[in-house]
């Protein structure tokens, strides 16, 4: 039942109190993060992209290594895509890296190597949406542009006791973020809002007693902070069984292929294989997939390892077998490129995380042989 306390707007005096309280809390309790020690739009852009779907503690070492390897937009634009994907390896959601690389090239071509300073121009770059653009422009240039990442959605949903899942009323949430934004101190305000969601207004068991917005939070007043934000009912996550081939030739080399640019894990290298069809054994699947995808006949040998991995919308189990090349030159029928490489050379190629575990198993296998 919706309480009479609930409202969908706030008065200017209330907004001013919220701004002051949040900024005071941030001055005392804000996190010291490496991208907050710079106002370089490029460095802040890199951090914003890395932080999409990824926790701060995971991002920090990648961010620091990235800026050493690609210290400027020009350096990133000039790099080979394989270098970029290798530097990103392990962070997941690889379209982010491909978009960073492509956007850097566009900036060199269209903006003389300078990160654009207008919202319209920033939004035109691949991989940058409204929240990311707001994060960059407010943090780097102190421009009064609102943000709405996952943390902010949760904070606003609780503040206003939102009675529906946030993704159903995104424009309403944007209007609240715009309403609250401190236009005199947008850099600190947006960073403070993200910190509030990340450190106090957490998904489970929020630390309401420490929250600077406690006295204004409608969810807290209704004792609904653990129910809000509401979530959409989720359907069962699909689980795919995949047959994977580690194909050896007579020279002791292993066959790898590079995935097409579009789609999941585009541009990365992998061990070939595919999804099991109904009633098919792993061995039958591997033989069929290798013939269809690479035009090769192979002999499926011993089992190497099983790898379970969760993506955002599905799970996979990779059933990996040693295989021997019998006949047929490998052809990139359903991939961009194929190569025979040694076990030692595998470390030079960017692989998805699940395939890295196959490489680890191969090293153990060779060491024990």
Foldseek 3Di string as FASTA:
>chain_A
DDDPPFDLDDDPVVLVLVQVLLLVCCVVDNDDAPLLVALQLLLQLVVLLLPVVDDRVVVRVLSVVVCVQQVALVSLQPDDLFVQLLSCAPSFPCVSSVQSNQLSVCCVVPVVRGDDQDLVVNCPRPPDDQQSSLLSNCSNPVAQGFHDDPLLLQQVCQLRVPPAACVVPVVSSRVVRSVNQDSVRNNSSRSSSSRCSVPALDQADGNLVPDSCNVRGPCNVVVNSNCPPPDDDDDDFAEFEKQFEQEAEPVQWTKKFAADQDDGNHGAIAGDIGTDDPPDDSQRRRQVRQCVQFVFGKAWDAWQDWFWDDDPRHIYIYGYTYIYTDDDDGDRRRHDDMDTGHLVCVSSGRHHPRRVVVSVSVVVVVVVD
